[in-house]
N, C-alpha and C. Protein backbone atom coordinates (compact mmCIF):
# COMPACT_ATOMS: atom_id res chain seq x y z
N UNK A 1 -11.56 5.19 23.40
CA UNK A 1 -10.90 4.62 24.56
C UNK A 1 -11.24 3.13 24.57
N UNK A 2 -10.24 2.31 24.44
CA UNK A 2 -10.42 0.87 24.40
C UNK A 2 -9.86 0.25 25.68
N UNK A 3 -10.66 -0.62 26.31
CA UNK A 3 -10.27 -1.27 27.55
C UNK A 3 -10.09 -2.76 27.29
N UNK A 4 -8.93 -3.30 27.65
CA UNK A 4 -8.65 -4.74 27.54
C UNK A 4 -9.19 -5.41 28.81
N UNK A 5 -10.20 -6.29 28.63
CA UNK A 5 -10.84 -6.94 29.77
C UNK A 5 -10.49 -8.43 29.85
N UNK A 6 -9.49 -8.86 29.09
CA UNK A 6 -9.16 -10.29 29.03
C UNK A 6 -8.78 -10.87 30.39
N UNK A 7 -8.12 -10.10 31.26
CA UNK A 7 -7.67 -10.64 32.54
C UNK A 7 -8.79 -10.79 33.57
N UNK A 8 -9.93 -10.10 33.39
CA UNK A 8 -11.02 -10.25 34.36
C UNK A 8 -12.22 -11.01 33.79
N UNK A 9 -12.16 -11.37 32.51
CA UNK A 9 -13.30 -11.99 31.86
C UNK A 9 -13.70 -13.32 32.49
N UNK A 10 -12.74 -14.12 32.90
CA UNK A 10 -13.03 -15.44 33.48
C UNK A 10 -12.90 -15.45 35.00
N UNK A 11 -12.61 -14.32 35.59
CA UNK A 11 -12.37 -14.24 37.03
C UNK A 11 -13.53 -13.54 37.73
N UNK A 12 -14.37 -14.29 38.42
CA UNK A 12 -15.49 -13.73 39.16
C UNK A 12 -14.96 -12.77 40.23
N UNK A 13 -15.46 -11.55 40.23
CA UNK A 13 -15.01 -10.54 41.19
C UNK A 13 -13.79 -9.78 40.72
N UNK A 14 -13.26 -10.11 39.56
CA UNK A 14 -12.10 -9.41 39.03
C UNK A 14 -12.42 -7.96 38.73
N UNK A 15 -11.42 -7.10 38.87
CA UNK A 15 -11.64 -5.67 38.69
C UNK A 15 -10.40 -5.03 38.09
N UNK A 16 -10.61 -4.10 37.17
CA UNK A 16 -9.51 -3.32 36.62
C UNK A 16 -9.86 -1.84 36.70
N UNK A 17 -8.85 -1.02 36.87
CA UNK A 17 -9.02 0.43 36.92
C UNK A 17 -9.11 0.97 35.50
N UNK A 18 -9.95 1.96 35.31
CA UNK A 18 -10.12 2.61 34.02
C UNK A 18 -9.80 4.09 34.21
N UNK A 19 -8.89 4.58 33.39
CA UNK A 19 -8.53 5.99 33.45
C UNK A 19 -8.08 6.42 32.07
N UNK A 20 -8.66 7.47 31.58
CA UNK A 20 -8.28 7.94 30.25
C UNK A 20 -9.14 9.10 29.80
N UNK A 21 -9.01 9.41 28.52
CA UNK A 21 -9.73 10.54 27.95
C UNK A 21 -10.46 10.11 26.70
N UNK A 22 -11.60 10.74 26.49
CA UNK A 22 -12.41 10.50 25.29
C UNK A 22 -12.60 11.83 24.59
N UNK A 23 -12.21 11.90 23.33
CA UNK A 23 -12.37 13.12 22.52
C UNK A 23 -13.71 13.06 21.81
N UNK A 24 -14.53 14.08 22.02
CA UNK A 24 -15.82 14.12 21.33
C UNK A 24 -15.92 15.37 20.46
N UNK A 25 -15.54 16.51 20.95
CA UNK A 25 -15.59 17.74 20.17
C UNK A 25 -16.92 18.44 20.28
N UNK A 26 -17.89 18.04 19.45
CA UNK A 26 -19.18 18.69 19.43
C UNK A 26 -20.31 17.67 19.52
N UNK A 27 -21.40 18.07 20.18
CA UNK A 27 -22.57 17.23 20.31
C UNK A 27 -23.79 18.08 19.95
N UNK A 28 -24.70 17.50 19.18
CA UNK A 28 -25.95 18.20 18.89
C UNK A 28 -27.08 17.42 19.55
N UNK A 29 -27.92 18.15 20.29
CA UNK A 29 -29.01 17.52 21.02
C UNK A 29 -30.18 18.48 21.09
N UNK A 30 -31.33 18.02 20.64
CA UNK A 30 -32.56 18.82 20.65
C UNK A 30 -32.39 20.18 19.99
N UNK A 31 -31.71 20.21 18.86
CA UNK A 31 -31.52 21.44 18.12
C UNK A 31 -30.47 22.38 18.65
N UNK A 32 -29.83 22.02 19.75
CA UNK A 32 -28.76 22.85 20.33
C UNK A 32 -27.42 22.20 20.04
N UNK A 33 -26.40 23.02 19.89
CA UNK A 33 -25.05 22.53 19.66
C UNK A 33 -24.21 22.80 20.90
N UNK A 34 -23.54 21.76 21.38
CA UNK A 34 -22.69 21.85 22.57
C UNK A 34 -21.27 21.51 22.16
N UNK A 35 -20.32 22.34 22.59
CA UNK A 35 -18.92 22.14 22.27
C UNK A 35 -18.17 21.73 23.52
N UNK A 36 -17.48 20.60 23.47
CA UNK A 36 -16.71 20.14 24.61
C UNK A 36 -15.40 20.89 24.65
N UNK A 37 -15.09 21.46 25.80
CA UNK A 37 -13.87 22.24 26.00
C UNK A 37 -12.73 21.31 26.38
N UNK A 38 -12.31 20.49 25.45
CA UNK A 38 -11.25 19.51 25.72
C UNK A 38 -11.85 18.12 25.84
N UNK A 39 -10.99 17.14 26.13
CA UNK A 39 -11.47 15.76 26.23
C UNK A 39 -12.25 15.51 27.52
N UNK A 40 -13.10 14.49 27.49
CA UNK A 40 -13.81 14.04 28.68
C UNK A 40 -12.85 13.14 29.45
N UNK A 41 -12.68 13.39 30.74
CA UNK A 41 -11.76 12.60 31.57
C UNK A 41 -12.56 11.53 32.30
N UNK A 42 -12.21 10.27 32.07
CA UNK A 42 -12.94 9.13 32.61
C UNK A 42 -12.09 8.44 33.66
N UNK A 43 -12.65 8.23 34.86
CA UNK A 43 -11.98 7.50 35.94
C UNK A 43 -12.97 6.56 36.59
N UNK A 44 -12.61 5.28 36.67
CA UNK A 44 -13.53 4.32 37.29
C UNK A 44 -12.97 2.92 37.26
N UNK A 45 -13.88 1.94 37.27
CA UNK A 45 -13.49 0.53 37.27
C UNK A 45 -14.41 -0.27 36.36
N UNK A 46 -13.88 -1.40 35.91
CA UNK A 46 -14.68 -2.43 35.24
C UNK A 46 -14.53 -3.67 36.09
N UNK A 47 -15.67 -4.24 36.53
CA UNK A 47 -15.62 -5.42 37.39
C UNK A 47 -16.51 -6.52 36.82
N UNK A 48 -16.15 -7.77 37.15
CA UNK A 48 -16.89 -8.94 36.69
C UNK A 48 -17.77 -9.42 37.84
N UNK A 49 -19.10 -9.34 37.66
CA UNK A 49 -20.00 -9.80 38.71
C UNK A 49 -20.56 -11.20 38.43
N UNK A 50 -20.03 -11.88 37.43
CA UNK A 50 -20.47 -13.23 37.08
C UNK A 50 -21.53 -13.24 36.00
N UNK A 51 -22.30 -12.18 35.88
CA UNK A 51 -23.32 -12.08 34.84
C UNK A 51 -22.89 -11.13 33.73
N UNK A 52 -22.15 -10.11 34.10
CA UNK A 52 -21.73 -9.10 33.14
C UNK A 52 -20.49 -8.39 33.66
N UNK A 53 -19.87 -7.64 32.79
CA UNK A 53 -18.82 -6.73 33.20
C UNK A 53 -19.49 -5.38 33.45
N UNK A 54 -19.23 -4.80 34.61
CA UNK A 54 -19.89 -3.56 35.00
C UNK A 54 -18.89 -2.41 35.00
N UNK A 55 -19.17 -1.42 34.17
CA UNK A 55 -18.37 -0.19 34.15
C UNK A 55 -19.03 0.80 35.11
N UNK A 56 -18.26 1.26 36.09
CA UNK A 56 -18.69 2.31 37.00
C UNK A 56 -17.63 3.40 36.93
N UNK A 57 -18.02 4.59 36.48
CA UNK A 57 -17.02 5.64 36.28
C UNK A 57 -17.62 7.02 36.50
N UNK A 58 -16.74 7.95 36.80
CA UNK A 58 -17.08 9.37 36.85
C UNK A 58 -16.41 10.03 35.66
N UNK A 59 -17.15 10.91 35.00
CA UNK A 59 -16.63 11.61 33.83
C UNK A 59 -16.64 13.10 34.14
N UNK A 60 -15.50 13.73 33.93
CA UNK A 60 -15.38 15.17 34.13
C UNK A 60 -15.28 15.84 32.76
N UNK A 61 -16.05 16.92 32.60
CA UNK A 61 -16.04 17.62 31.33
C UNK A 61 -16.53 19.05 31.52
N UNK A 62 -16.09 19.92 30.63
CA UNK A 62 -16.61 21.27 30.55
C UNK A 62 -17.16 21.46 29.15
N UNK A 63 -18.31 22.11 29.08
CA UNK A 63 -19.02 22.20 27.82
C UNK A 63 -19.40 23.64 27.52
N UNK A 64 -19.17 24.06 26.30
CA UNK A 64 -19.56 25.39 25.86
C UNK A 64 -20.95 25.35 25.24
N UNK A 65 -21.78 26.31 25.64
CA UNK A 65 -23.13 26.42 25.11
C UNK A 65 -23.56 27.88 25.20
N UNK A 66 -24.85 28.14 25.05
CA UNK A 66 -25.37 29.50 25.16
C UNK A 66 -26.36 29.58 26.31
N UNK A 67 -26.37 30.74 26.96
CA UNK A 67 -27.36 30.99 28.00
C UNK A 67 -28.75 30.98 27.35
N UNK A 68 -29.68 30.30 27.99
CA UNK A 68 -31.03 30.17 27.44
C UNK A 68 -31.81 31.48 27.45
N UNK A 69 -31.39 32.45 28.26
CA UNK A 69 -32.12 33.72 28.34
C UNK A 69 -31.47 34.84 27.51
N UNK A 70 -30.14 35.00 27.65
CA UNK A 70 -29.49 36.14 26.99
C UNK A 70 -28.64 35.75 25.78
N UNK A 71 -28.47 34.46 25.54
CA UNK A 71 -27.73 33.91 24.41
C UNK A 71 -26.23 34.18 24.45
N UNK A 72 -25.70 34.61 25.60
CA UNK A 72 -24.24 34.76 25.74
C UNK A 72 -23.59 33.38 25.74
N UNK A 73 -22.38 33.30 25.22
CA UNK A 73 -21.62 32.06 25.26
C UNK A 73 -21.18 31.81 26.69
N UNK A 74 -21.36 30.58 27.18
CA UNK A 74 -20.96 30.21 28.54
C UNK A 74 -20.30 28.84 28.52
N UNK A 75 -19.52 28.56 29.56
CA UNK A 75 -18.90 27.25 29.75
C UNK A 75 -19.47 26.69 31.05
N UNK A 76 -20.01 25.47 30.98
CA UNK A 76 -20.66 24.85 32.14
C UNK A 76 -19.99 23.51 32.47
N UNK A 77 -20.14 23.11 33.73
CA UNK A 77 -19.66 21.80 34.16
C UNK A 77 -20.60 20.75 33.59
N UNK A 78 -20.06 19.77 32.90
CA UNK A 78 -20.89 18.73 32.29
C UNK A 78 -20.51 17.36 32.82
N UNK A 79 -20.01 17.29 34.06
CA UNK A 79 -19.61 16.02 34.64
C UNK A 79 -20.81 15.14 34.95
N UNK A 80 -20.59 13.83 34.92
CA UNK A 80 -21.66 12.88 35.19
C UNK A 80 -21.06 11.53 35.58
N UNK A 81 -21.91 10.64 36.07
CA UNK A 81 -21.50 9.28 36.43
C UNK A 81 -22.06 8.30 35.42
N UNK A 82 -21.32 7.22 35.21
CA UNK A 82 -21.71 6.19 34.25
C UNK A 82 -21.77 4.85 34.97
N UNK A 83 -22.81 4.08 34.69
CA UNK A 83 -22.85 2.68 35.12
C UNK A 83 -23.49 1.89 33.99
N UNK A 84 -22.70 1.05 33.35
CA UNK A 84 -23.15 0.27 32.20
C UNK A 84 -22.73 -1.18 32.36
N UNK A 85 -23.56 -2.09 31.86
CA UNK A 85 -23.26 -3.52 31.87
C UNK A 85 -22.86 -3.96 30.47
N UNK A 86 -21.82 -4.78 30.39
CA UNK A 86 -21.33 -5.31 29.13
C UNK A 86 -21.37 -6.83 29.18
N UNK A 87 -21.84 -7.46 28.09
CA UNK A 87 -21.89 -8.91 28.00
C UNK A 87 -21.18 -9.33 26.73
N UNK A 88 -20.32 -10.32 26.84
CA UNK A 88 -19.59 -10.83 25.69
C UNK A 88 -20.56 -11.57 24.77
N UNK A 89 -20.45 -11.37 23.47
CA UNK A 89 -21.41 -11.93 22.52
C UNK A 89 -21.46 -13.45 22.53
N UNK A 90 -20.32 -14.12 22.79
CA UNK A 90 -20.34 -15.58 22.77
C UNK A 90 -20.59 -16.20 24.15
N UNK A 91 -20.99 -15.40 25.14
CA UNK A 91 -21.25 -15.97 26.47
C UNK A 91 -22.59 -16.69 26.48
N UNK A 92 -22.74 -17.66 27.37
CA UNK A 92 -23.97 -18.43 27.49
C UNK A 92 -24.94 -17.82 28.50
N UNK A 93 -24.58 -16.70 29.06
CA UNK A 93 -25.38 -16.04 30.09
C UNK A 93 -26.57 -15.34 29.44
N UNK A 94 -27.73 -15.43 30.08
CA UNK A 94 -28.93 -14.73 29.61
C UNK A 94 -28.62 -13.24 29.52
N UNK A 95 -28.82 -12.66 28.34
CA UNK A 95 -28.45 -11.27 28.14
C UNK A 95 -29.57 -10.33 28.62
N UNK A 96 -29.17 -9.35 29.39
CA UNK A 96 -30.07 -8.31 29.89
C UNK A 96 -30.33 -7.33 28.74
N UNK A 97 -31.55 -6.80 28.67
CA UNK A 97 -31.88 -5.85 27.60
C UNK A 97 -31.04 -4.58 27.69
N UNK A 98 -30.62 -4.22 28.88
CA UNK A 98 -29.83 -3.00 29.07
C UNK A 98 -28.34 -3.22 28.85
N UNK A 99 -27.91 -4.46 28.70
CA UNK A 99 -26.48 -4.75 28.56
C UNK A 99 -26.00 -4.43 27.15
N UNK A 100 -24.77 -3.99 27.07
CA UNK A 100 -24.12 -3.70 25.79
C UNK A 100 -23.30 -4.92 25.41
N UNK A 101 -23.53 -5.43 24.21
CA UNK A 101 -22.84 -6.64 23.76
C UNK A 101 -21.53 -6.24 23.10
N UNK A 102 -20.45 -6.97 23.45
CA UNK A 102 -19.15 -6.70 22.85
C UNK A 102 -18.54 -8.00 22.34
N UNK A 103 -17.64 -7.91 21.39
CA UNK A 103 -16.93 -9.06 20.84
C UNK A 103 -15.49 -9.05 21.30
N UNK A 104 -14.92 -10.21 21.40
CA UNK A 104 -13.50 -10.32 21.72
C UNK A 104 -13.20 -10.05 23.18
N UNK A 105 -12.05 -9.40 23.40
CA UNK A 105 -11.57 -9.17 24.75
C UNK A 105 -11.37 -7.69 25.07
N UNK A 106 -11.97 -6.83 24.26
CA UNK A 106 -11.86 -5.39 24.52
C UNK A 106 -13.23 -4.74 24.47
N UNK A 107 -13.35 -3.67 25.23
CA UNK A 107 -14.58 -2.87 25.24
C UNK A 107 -14.22 -1.48 24.75
N UNK A 108 -14.99 -0.99 23.80
CA UNK A 108 -14.80 0.36 23.27
C UNK A 108 -15.75 1.30 24.00
N UNK A 109 -15.20 2.34 24.66
CA UNK A 109 -16.00 3.21 25.52
C UNK A 109 -16.42 4.53 24.89
N UNK A 110 -15.88 4.90 23.75
CA UNK A 110 -16.17 6.21 23.18
C UNK A 110 -17.67 6.45 22.98
N UNK A 111 -18.36 5.53 22.31
CA UNK A 111 -19.80 5.71 22.07
C UNK A 111 -20.61 5.64 23.36
N UNK A 112 -20.18 4.79 24.29
CA UNK A 112 -20.88 4.67 25.57
C UNK A 112 -20.80 5.98 26.34
N UNK A 113 -19.63 6.58 26.38
CA UNK A 113 -19.44 7.85 27.09
C UNK A 113 -20.21 8.97 26.40
N UNK A 114 -20.19 9.00 25.07
CA UNK A 114 -20.93 10.03 24.33
C UNK A 114 -22.43 9.89 24.57
N UNK A 115 -22.96 8.67 24.53
CA UNK A 115 -24.38 8.46 24.79
C UNK A 115 -24.77 8.91 26.20
N UNK A 116 -23.92 8.62 27.18
CA UNK A 116 -24.20 9.03 28.55
C UNK A 116 -24.11 10.55 28.70
N UNK A 117 -23.21 11.18 27.97
CA UNK A 117 -23.12 12.65 27.98
C UNK A 117 -24.43 13.24 27.48
N UNK A 118 -24.93 12.73 26.37
CA UNK A 118 -26.18 13.23 25.80
C UNK A 118 -27.34 13.04 26.77
N UNK A 119 -27.38 11.90 27.46
CA UNK A 119 -28.45 11.66 28.43
C UNK A 119 -28.38 12.59 29.64
N UNK A 120 -27.20 13.16 29.89
CA UNK A 120 -27.02 14.03 31.05
C UNK A 120 -27.05 15.51 30.72
N UNK A 121 -27.33 15.86 29.48
CA UNK A 121 -27.44 17.27 29.12
C UNK A 121 -28.76 17.80 29.66
N UNK A 122 -28.69 18.91 30.37
CA UNK A 122 -29.89 19.54 30.91
C UNK A 122 -30.65 20.20 29.76
N UNK A 123 -31.88 20.51 29.99
CA UNK A 123 -32.70 21.16 28.96
C UNK A 123 -32.19 22.54 28.60
N UNK A 124 -31.69 23.28 29.59
CA UNK A 124 -31.20 24.62 29.33
C UNK A 124 -30.19 25.02 30.40
N UNK A 125 -29.31 25.92 30.02
CA UNK A 125 -28.28 26.42 30.92
C UNK A 125 -28.39 27.93 30.98
N UNK A 126 -28.09 28.49 32.16
CA UNK A 126 -28.14 29.93 32.36
C UNK A 126 -26.75 30.45 32.73
N UNK A 127 -26.43 31.66 32.30
CA UNK A 127 -25.15 32.28 32.67
C UNK A 127 -25.15 32.64 34.15
N UNK A 128 -26.35 32.94 34.68
CA UNK A 128 -26.52 33.30 36.08
C UNK A 128 -27.99 33.07 36.43
N UNK A 129 -28.25 32.67 37.66
CA UNK A 129 -29.64 32.45 38.07
C UNK A 129 -30.49 33.71 37.94
N UNK A 130 -29.85 34.88 38.04
CA UNK A 130 -30.56 36.16 37.95
C UNK A 130 -30.46 36.79 36.56
N UNK A 131 -30.16 35.99 35.55
CA UNK A 131 -30.04 36.52 34.18
C UNK A 131 -31.35 37.19 33.77
N UNK A 132 -31.24 38.41 33.24
CA UNK A 132 -32.43 39.19 32.87
C UNK A 132 -32.88 38.91 31.44
N UNK A 133 -32.03 38.27 30.64
CA UNK A 133 -32.42 37.91 29.28
C UNK A 133 -32.33 39.06 28.30
N UNK A 134 -33.10 38.93 27.23
CA UNK A 134 -33.10 39.92 26.15
C UNK A 134 -34.40 40.71 26.16
N UNK A 135 -34.32 41.96 25.73
CA UNK A 135 -35.53 42.78 25.59
C UNK A 135 -36.39 42.20 24.47
N UNK A 136 -37.66 41.96 24.73
CA UNK A 136 -38.52 41.37 23.69
C UNK A 136 -38.80 42.32 22.52
N UNK A 137 -38.50 43.62 22.71
CA UNK A 137 -38.78 44.58 21.63
C UNK A 137 -37.56 44.87 20.77
N UNK A 138 -36.42 45.16 21.41
CA UNK A 138 -35.23 45.54 20.62
C UNK A 138 -34.14 44.48 20.62
N UNK A 139 -34.23 43.49 21.51
CA UNK A 139 -33.25 42.41 21.54
C UNK A 139 -31.99 42.72 22.31
N UNK A 140 -31.94 43.84 23.04
CA UNK A 140 -30.75 44.21 23.82
C UNK A 140 -30.59 43.26 25.01
N UNK A 141 -29.35 43.00 25.38
CA UNK A 141 -29.06 42.18 26.55
C UNK A 141 -29.33 43.02 27.80
N UNK A 142 -30.33 42.65 28.58
CA UNK A 142 -30.72 43.44 29.75
C UNK A 142 -29.75 43.29 30.92
N UNK A 143 -28.81 42.34 30.85
CA UNK A 143 -27.77 42.22 31.87
C UNK A 143 -26.78 43.37 31.77
N UNK A 144 -26.66 43.97 30.57
CA UNK A 144 -25.74 45.08 30.36
C UNK A 144 -26.34 46.41 30.76
N UNK A 145 -27.64 46.45 30.99
CA UNK A 145 -28.31 47.69 31.37
C UNK A 145 -29.65 47.79 30.67
N UNK A 146 -30.45 48.73 31.12
CA UNK A 146 -31.77 48.94 30.53
C UNK A 146 -31.62 49.51 29.12
N UNK A 147 -32.53 49.14 28.25
CA UNK A 147 -32.46 49.60 26.86
C UNK A 147 -33.35 50.80 26.60
N UNK A 148 -34.29 51.09 27.50
CA UNK A 148 -35.18 52.23 27.32
C UNK A 148 -36.52 51.89 26.69
N UNK A 149 -36.71 50.66 26.31
CA UNK A 149 -38.00 50.25 25.73
C UNK A 149 -39.05 50.15 26.83
N UNK A 150 -40.29 50.37 26.45
CA UNK A 150 -41.40 50.24 27.39
C UNK A 150 -41.63 48.76 27.68
N UNK A 151 -41.79 48.41 28.93
CA UNK A 151 -42.01 47.02 29.34
C UNK A 151 -43.50 46.68 29.38
N UNK A 152 -44.33 47.69 29.16
CA UNK A 152 -45.76 47.46 29.22
C UNK A 152 -46.22 46.84 27.91
N UNK A 153 -46.69 45.62 27.99
CA UNK A 153 -47.17 44.92 26.80
C UNK A 153 -48.67 44.73 26.92
N UNK A 154 -49.38 45.17 25.91
CA UNK A 154 -50.83 45.00 25.89
C UNK A 154 -51.17 44.14 24.69
N UNK A 155 -51.88 43.07 24.95
CA UNK A 155 -52.34 42.19 23.89
C UNK A 155 -53.19 43.03 22.94
N UNK A 156 -52.91 42.98 21.63
CA UNK A 156 -53.66 43.80 20.67
C UNK A 156 -55.17 43.57 20.72
N UNK A 157 -55.59 42.39 21.15
CA UNK A 157 -57.03 42.11 21.24
C UNK A 157 -57.69 42.92 22.36
N UNK A 158 -56.89 43.37 23.34
CA UNK A 158 -57.42 44.13 24.47
C UNK A 158 -57.03 45.62 24.39
N UNK A 159 -56.40 46.03 23.33
CA UNK A 159 -55.91 47.41 23.22
C UNK A 159 -57.05 48.42 23.30
N UNK A 160 -58.19 48.10 22.69
CA UNK A 160 -59.34 49.01 22.75
C UNK A 160 -59.81 49.22 24.17
N UNK A 161 -59.86 48.17 24.96
CA UNK A 161 -60.28 48.26 26.35
C UNK A 161 -59.25 49.07 27.16
N UNK A 162 -57.97 48.88 26.87
CA UNK A 162 -56.93 49.65 27.57
C UNK A 162 -57.06 51.13 27.27
N UNK A 163 -57.42 51.47 26.02
CA UNK A 163 -57.62 52.88 25.67
C UNK A 163 -58.79 53.48 26.44
N UNK A 164 -59.86 52.70 26.59
CA UNK A 164 -61.02 53.17 27.37
C UNK A 164 -60.63 53.40 28.84
N UNK A 165 -59.84 52.51 29.38
CA UNK A 165 -59.41 52.61 30.79
C UNK A 165 -58.51 53.84 30.98
N UNK A 166 -57.66 54.13 30.03
CA UNK A 166 -56.75 55.27 30.13
C UNK A 166 -57.47 56.60 29.98
N UNK A 167 -58.59 56.61 29.23
CA UNK A 167 -59.36 57.84 29.04
C UNK A 167 -60.16 58.22 30.28
N UNK A 168 -60.46 57.26 31.15
CA UNK A 168 -61.25 57.56 32.35
C UNK A 168 -60.40 58.12 33.41
């Protein structure tokens, strides 16, 4: 998604509307793979505050992943807000460390939106707050029903003591 900022570059307080879509497809983060269910929809503004061009936008997206407990495939809301500063490379303004430097009269948003998506991915997603997960012995999905395995787990280091307790 490329934004032409030529009309607001020299105009203090100038603002343009930003609306479009960014195609990403798949993202890998911390060993997990996330699939975007369609393009990310971006709506916002780019404004000139005299020091930088400021992108303020809301991004709507749906993302496919796996439940952290039962490993079922799920689709989650992955919407987030973006606020980024852009500084033209040939400007004489002191550049902020957080500002993104751009050349010419256009700003490319694809990488910016993808980076912000990655920063907004939660550590884990659940299919339901009450997800029961998988049986640690047989691997059955406990949301579908009980598997019949014993839930009593005894650390092998304490098994001898448990046997003594059961004999009394």
